[in-house]
Amino acid sequence: MDIAAVATALKSASIGNAISLAVTKKVMDTQKEAGAQVVELLEKSVQPHLGSRIDVRL
């Protein structure tokens, strides 16, 4: 096998791996931000004083 062909194939595989890693990191960052937003939304929605009493008047 030609050395140039092997070098080209290795470089191509290396570039493919780098792109895959970059995309994976971006997806992980996006999911981390989305998770933080969900936690923030849930923390804001908690209202412990609601539902503890029933107001019954006739």
PDB file of N, CA and C in Angstrom:
ATOM      1  N   MET A   1       0.849  -1.170   0.000  1.00  0.00           N
ATOM      2  CA  MET A   1       0.000   0.000   0.000  1.00  0.00           C
ATOM      3  C   MET A   1       0.900   1.241   0.000  1.00  0.00           C
ATOM      4  N   ASP A   2       0.448   2.238  -0.654  1.00  0.00           N
ATOM      5  CA  ASP A   2       1.196   3.482  -0.797  1.00  0.00           C
ATOM      6  C   ASP A   2       1.181   4.262   0.523  1.00  0.00           C
ATOM      7  N   ILE A   3       2.310   4.804   0.900  1.00  0.00           N
ATOM      8  CA  ILE A   3       2.424   5.563   2.149  1.00  0.00           C
ATOM      9  C   ILE A   3       1.550   6.811   2.117  1.00  0.00           C
ATOM     10  N   ALA A   4       1.471   7.453   0.971  1.00  0.00           N
ATOM     11  CA  ALA A   4       0.644   8.664   0.842  1.00  0.00           C
ATOM     12  C   ALA A   4      -0.830   8.331   1.058  1.00  0.00           C
ATOM     13  N   ALA A   5      -1.261   7.203   0.543  1.00  0.00           N
ATOM     14  CA  ALA A   5      -2.655   6.796   0.708  1.00  0.00           C
ATOM     15  C   ALA A   5      -2.966   6.505   2.170  1.00  0.00           C
ATOM     16  N   VAL A   6      -2.039   5.848   2.841  1.00  0.00           N
ATOM     17  CA  VAL A   6      -2.228   5.550   4.265  1.00  0.00           C
ATOM     18  C   VAL A   6      -2.270   6.842   5.074  1.00  0.00           C
ATOM     19  N   ALA A   7      -1.384   7.763   4.773  1.00  0.00           N
ATOM     20  CA  ALA A   7      -1.352   9.040   5.498  1.00  0.00           C
ATOM     21  C   ALA A   7      -2.643   9.816   5.265  1.00  0.00           C
ATOM     22  N   THR A   8      -3.147   9.803   4.043  1.00  0.00           N
ATOM     23  CA  THR A   8      -4.391  10.503   3.722  1.00  0.00           C
ATOM     24  C   THR A   8      -5.564   9.866   4.467  1.00  0.00           C
ATOM     25  N   ALA A   9      -5.599   8.537   4.501  1.00  0.00           N
ATOM     26  CA  ALA A   9      -6.683   7.842   5.195  1.00  0.00           C
ATOM     27  C   ALA A   9      -6.642   8.135   6.700  1.00  0.00           C
ATOM     28  N   LEU A  10      -5.461   8.141   7.280  1.00  0.00           N
ATOM     29  CA  LEU A  10      -5.338   8.438   8.714  1.00  0.00           C
ATOM     30  C   LEU A  10      -5.747   9.872   9.031  1.00  0.00           C
ATOM     31  N   LYS A  11      -5.357  10.789   8.173  1.00  0.00           N
ATOM     32  CA  LYS A  11      -5.721  12.200   8.384  1.00  0.00           C
ATOM     33  C   LYS A  11      -7.229  12.377   8.278  1.00  0.00           C
ATOM     34  N   SER A  12      -7.834  11.709   7.308  1.00  0.00           N
ATOM     35  CA  SER A  12      -9.282  11.778   7.129  1.00  0.00           C
ATOM     36  C   SER A  12     -10.010  11.224   8.353  1.00  0.00           C
ATOM     37  N   ALA A  13      -9.535  10.103   8.858  1.00  0.00           N
ATOM     38  CA  ALA A  13     -10.142   9.522  10.059  1.00  0.00           C
ATOM     39  C   ALA A  13      -9.956  10.439  11.258  1.00  0.00           C
ATOM     40  N   SER A  14      -8.801  11.068  11.359  1.00  0.00           N
ATOM     41  CA  SER A  14      -8.529  11.988  12.456  1.00  0.00           C
ATOM     42  C   SER A  14      -9.462  13.196  12.406  1.00  0.00           C
ATOM     43  N   ILE A  15      -9.678  13.726  11.212  1.00  0.00           N
ATOM     44  CA  ILE A  15     -10.584  14.873  11.050  1.00  0.00           C
ATOM     45  C   ILE A  15     -12.009  14.467  11.398  1.00  0.00           C
ATOM     46  N   GLY A  16     -12.407  13.275  10.961  1.00  0.00           N
ATOM     47  CA  GLY A  16     -13.748  12.785  11.282  1.00  0.00           C
ATOM     48  C   GLY A  16     -13.953  12.645  12.777  1.00  0.00           C
ATOM     49  N   ASN A  17     -12.953  12.129  13.468  1.00  0.00           N
ATOM     50  CA  ASN A  17     -13.046  11.992  14.922  1.00  0.00           C
ATOM     51  C   ASN A  17     -13.113  13.352  15.609  1.00  0.00           C
ATOM     52  N   ALA A  18     -12.347  14.299  15.124  1.00  0.00           N
ATOM     53  CA  ALA A  18     -12.353  15.643  15.718  1.00  0.00           C
ATOM     54  C   ALA A  18     -13.724  16.305  15.544  1.00  0.00           C
ATOM     55  N   ILE A  19     -14.304  16.151  14.371  1.00  0.00           N
ATOM     56  CA  ILE A  19     -15.628  16.733  14.123  1.00  0.00           C
ATOM     57  C   ILE A  19     -16.673  16.066  15.017  1.00  0.00           C
ATOM     58  N   SER A  20     -16.607  14.756  15.113  1.00  0.00           N
ATOM     59  CA  SER A  20     -17.551  14.023  15.958  1.00  0.00           C
ATOM     60  C   SER A  20     -17.433  14.458  17.419  1.00  0.00           C
ATOM     61  N   LEU A  21     -16.225  14.623  17.889  1.00  0.00           N
ATOM     62  CA  LEU A  21     -16.000  15.061  19.265  1.00  0.00           C
ATOM     63  C   LEU A  21     -16.535  16.474  19.493  1.00  0.00           C
ATOM     64  N   ALA A  22     -16.320  17.364  18.534  1.00  0.00           N
ATOM     65  CA  ALA A  22     -16.799  18.741  18.668  1.00  0.00           C
ATOM     66  C   ALA A  22     -18.322  18.789  18.716  1.00  0.00           C
ATOM     67  N   VAL A  23     -18.966  17.998  17.877  1.00  0.00           N
ATOM     68  CA  VAL A  23     -20.429  17.966  17.867  1.00  0.00           C
ATOM     69  C   VAL A  23     -20.945  17.390  19.180  1.00  0.00           C
ATOM     70  N   THR A  24     -20.313  16.346  19.674  1.00  0.00           N
ATOM     71  CA  THR A  24     -20.724  15.740  20.936  1.00  0.00           C
ATOM     72  C   THR A  24     -20.589  16.730  22.094  1.00  0.00           C
ATOM     73  N   LYS A  25     -19.501  17.470  22.129  1.00  0.00           N
ATOM     74  CA  LYS A  25     -19.320  18.482  23.180  1.00  0.00           C
ATOM     75  C   LYS A  25     -20.397  19.551  23.105  1.00  0.00           C
ATOM     76  N   LYS A  26     -20.734  19.979  21.900  1.00  0.00           N
ATOM     77  CA  LYS A  26     -21.768  21.014  21.729  1.00  0.00           C
ATOM     78  C   LYS A  26     -23.122  20.501  22.211  1.00  0.00           C
ATOM     79  N   VAL A  27     -23.447  19.253  21.877  1.00  0.00           N
ATOM     80  CA  VAL A  27     -24.709  18.663  22.330  1.00  0.00           C
ATOM     81  C   VAL A  27     -24.733  18.556  23.851  1.00  0.00           C
ATOM     82  N   MET A  28     -23.621  18.159  24.444  1.00  0.00           N
ATOM     83  CA  MET A  28     -23.558  18.054  25.904  1.00  0.00           C
ATOM     84  C   MET A  28     -23.741  19.418  26.565  1.00  0.00           C
ATOM     85  N   ASP A  29     -23.128  20.446  26.015  1.00  0.00           N
ATOM     86  CA  ASP A  29     -23.285  21.798  26.557  1.00  0.00           C
ATOM     87  C   ASP A  29     -24.734  22.265  26.454  1.00  0.00           C
ATOM     88  N   THR A  30     -25.351  21.994  25.312  1.00  0.00           N
ATOM     89  CA  THR A  30     -26.742  22.387  25.102  1.00  0.00           C
ATOM     90  C   THR A  30     -27.659  21.678  26.090  1.00  0.00           C
ATOM     91  N   GLN A  31     -27.436  20.380  26.295  1.00  0.00           N
ATOM     92  CA  GLN A  31     -28.254  19.620  27.231  1.00  0.00           C
ATOM     93  C   GLN A  31     -28.032  20.080  28.669  1.00  0.00           C
ATOM     94  N   LYS A  32     -26.815  20.453  28.991  1.00  0.00           N
ATOM     95  CA  LYS A  32     -26.517  20.953  30.337  1.00  0.00           C
ATOM     96  C   LYS A  32     -27.274  22.253  30.591  1.00  0.00           C
ATOM     97  N   GLU A  33     -27.292  23.145  29.612  1.00  0.00           N
ATOM     98  CA  GLU A  33     -28.021  24.406  29.740  1.00  0.00           C
ATOM     99  C   GLU A  33     -29.522  24.163  29.855  1.00  0.00           C
ATOM    100  N   ALA A  34     -30.039  23.237  29.054  1.00  0.00           N
ATOM    101  CA  ALA A  34     -31.466  22.924  29.109  1.00  0.00           C
ATOM    102  C   ALA A  34     -31.831  22.344  30.473  1.00  0.00           C
ATOM    103  N   GLY A  35     -30.994  21.487  31.006  1.00  0.00           N
ATOM    104  CA  GLY A  35     -31.239  20.917  32.332  1.00  0.00           C
ATOM    105  C   GLY A  35     -31.231  21.981  33.419  1.00  0.00           C
ATOM    106  N   ALA A  36     -30.317  22.921  33.313  1.00  0.00           N
ATOM    107  CA  ALA A  36     -30.260  24.014  34.293  1.00  0.00           C
ATOM    108  C   ALA A  36     -31.515  24.869  34.219  1.00  0.00           C
ATOM    109  N   GLN A  37     -32.023  25.084  33.023  1.00  0.00           N
ATOM    110  CA  GLN A  37     -33.252  25.867  32.857  1.00  0.00           C
ATOM    111  C   GLN A  37     -34.452  25.137  33.437  1.00  0.00           C
ATOM    112  N   VAL A  38     -34.511  23.822  33.278  1.00  0.00           N
ATOM    113  CA  VAL A  38     -35.611  23.045  33.847  1.00  0.00           C
ATOM    114  C   VAL A  38     -35.558  23.099  35.369  1.00  0.00           C
ATOM    115  N   VAL A  39     -34.370  22.965  35.939  1.00  0.00           N
ATOM    116  CA  VAL A  39     -34.227  23.030  37.400  1.00  0.00           C
ATOM    117  C   VAL A  39     -34.664  24.410  37.898  1.00  0.00           C
ATOM    118  N   GLU A  40     -34.256  25.451  37.202  1.00  0.00           N
ATOM    119  CA  GLU A  40     -34.642  26.809  37.597  1.00  0.00           C
ATOM    120  C   GLU A  40     -36.157  26.984  37.526  1.00  0.00           C
ATOM    121  N   LEU A  41     -36.772  26.464  36.487  1.00  0.00           N
ATOM    122  CA  LEU A  41     -38.220  26.564  36.337  1.00  0.00           C
ATOM    123  C   LEU A  41     -38.939  25.815  37.454  1.00  0.00           C
ATOM    124  N   LEU A  42     -38.439  24.632  37.787  1.00  0.00           N
ATOM    125  CA  LEU A  42     -39.056  23.867  38.873  1.00  0.00           C
ATOM    126  C   LEU A  42     -38.889  24.560  40.217  1.00  0.00           C
ATOM    127  N   GLU A  43     -37.734  25.181  40.444  1.00  0.00           N
ATOM    128  CA  GLU A  43     -37.526  25.888  41.707  1.00  0.00           C
ATOM    129  C   GLU A  43     -38.463  27.083  41.821  1.00  0.00           C
ATOM    130  N   LYS A  44     -38.733  27.750  40.722  1.00  0.00           N
ATOM    131  CA  LYS A  44     -39.636  28.909  40.747  1.00  0.00           C
ATOM    132  C   LYS A  44     -41.092  28.497  40.916  1.00  0.00           C
ATOM    133  N   SER A  45     -41.428  27.278  40.497  1.00  0.00           N
ATOM    134  CA  SER A  45     -42.826  26.849  40.548  1.00  0.00           C
ATOM    135  C   SER A  45     -43.245  26.340  41.921  1.00  0.00           C
ATOM    136  N   VAL A  46     -42.298  26.102  42.806  1.00  0.00           N
ATOM    137  CA  VAL A  46     -42.636  25.581  44.131  1.00  0.00           C
ATOM    138  C   VAL A  46     -43.188  26.709  44.993  1.00  0.00           C
ATOM    139  N   GLN A  47     -44.397  26.484  45.496  1.00  0.00           N
ATOM    140  CA  GLN A  47     -45.042  27.452  46.383  1.00  0.00           C
ATOM    141  C   GLN A  47     -45.585  26.675  47.584  1.00  0.00           C
ATOM    142  N   PRO A  48     -44.793  26.546  48.628  1.00  0.00           N
ATOM    143  CA  PRO A  48     -45.163  25.670  49.742  1.00  0.00           C
ATOM    144  C   PRO A  48     -46.420  26.103  50.494  1.00  0.00           C
ATOM    145  N   HIS A  49     -46.796  27.371  50.417  1.00  0.00           N
ATOM    146  CA  HIS A  49     -47.964  27.828  51.162  1.00  0.00           C
ATOM    147  C   HIS A  49     -49.274  27.450  50.477  1.00  0.00           C
ATOM    148  N   LEU A  50     -49.240  27.062  49.215  1.00  0.00           N
ATOM    149  CA  LEU A  50     -50.472  26.682  48.526  1.00  0.00           C
ATOM    150  C   LEU A  50     -50.839  25.223  48.817  1.00  0.00           C
ATOM    151  N   GLY A  51     -52.121  24.991  49.031  1.00  0.00           N
ATOM    152  CA  GLY A  51     -52.607  23.638  49.258  1.00  0.00           C
ATOM    153  C   GLY A  51     -52.531  23.154  50.677  1.00  0.00           C
ATOM    154  N   SER A  52     -52.069  23.998  51.592  1.00  0.00           N
ATOM    155  CA  SER A  52     -51.962  23.565  52.981  1.00  0.00           C
ATOM    156  C   SER A  52     -53.238  23.818  53.770  1.00  0.00           C
ATOM    157  N   ARG A  53     -54.141  24.643  53.237  1.00  0.00           N
ATOM    158  CA  ARG A  53     -55.387  24.966  53.937  1.00  0.00           C
ATOM    159  C   ARG A  53     -56.559  24.931  52.943  1.00  0.00           C
ATOM    160  N   ILE A  54     -57.709  24.574  53.482  1.00  0.00           N
ATOM    161  CA  ILE A  54     -58.928  24.618  52.677  1.00  0.00           C
ATOM    162  C   ILE A  54     -59.845  25.650  53.320  1.00  0.00           C
ATOM    163  N   ASP A  55     -60.262  26.607  52.528  1.00  0.00           N
ATOM    164  CA  ASP A  55     -61.132  27.675  53.013  1.00  0.00           C
ATOM    165  C   ASP A  55     -62.573  27.300  52.682  1.00  0.00           C
ATOM    166  N   VAL A  56     -63.315  26.916  53.730  1.00  0.00           N
ATOM    167  CA  VAL A  56     -64.707  26.494  53.526  1.00  0.00           C
ATOM    168  C   VAL A  56     -65.606  27.483  54.270  1.00  0.00           C
ATOM    169  N   ARG A  57     -66.472  28.153  53.517  1.00  0.00           N
ATOM    170  CA  ARG A  57     -67.423  29.080  54.125  1.00  0.00           C
ATOM    171  C   ARG A  57     -68.793  28.815  53.508  1.00  0.00           C
ATOM    172  N   LEU A  58     -69.798  28.835  54.352  1.00  0.00           N
ATOM    173  CA  LEU A  58     -71.170  28.640  53.889  1.00  0.00           C
ATOM    174  C   LEU A  58     -71.995  29.857  54.123  1.00  0.00           C
TER     175      LEU A  58
END
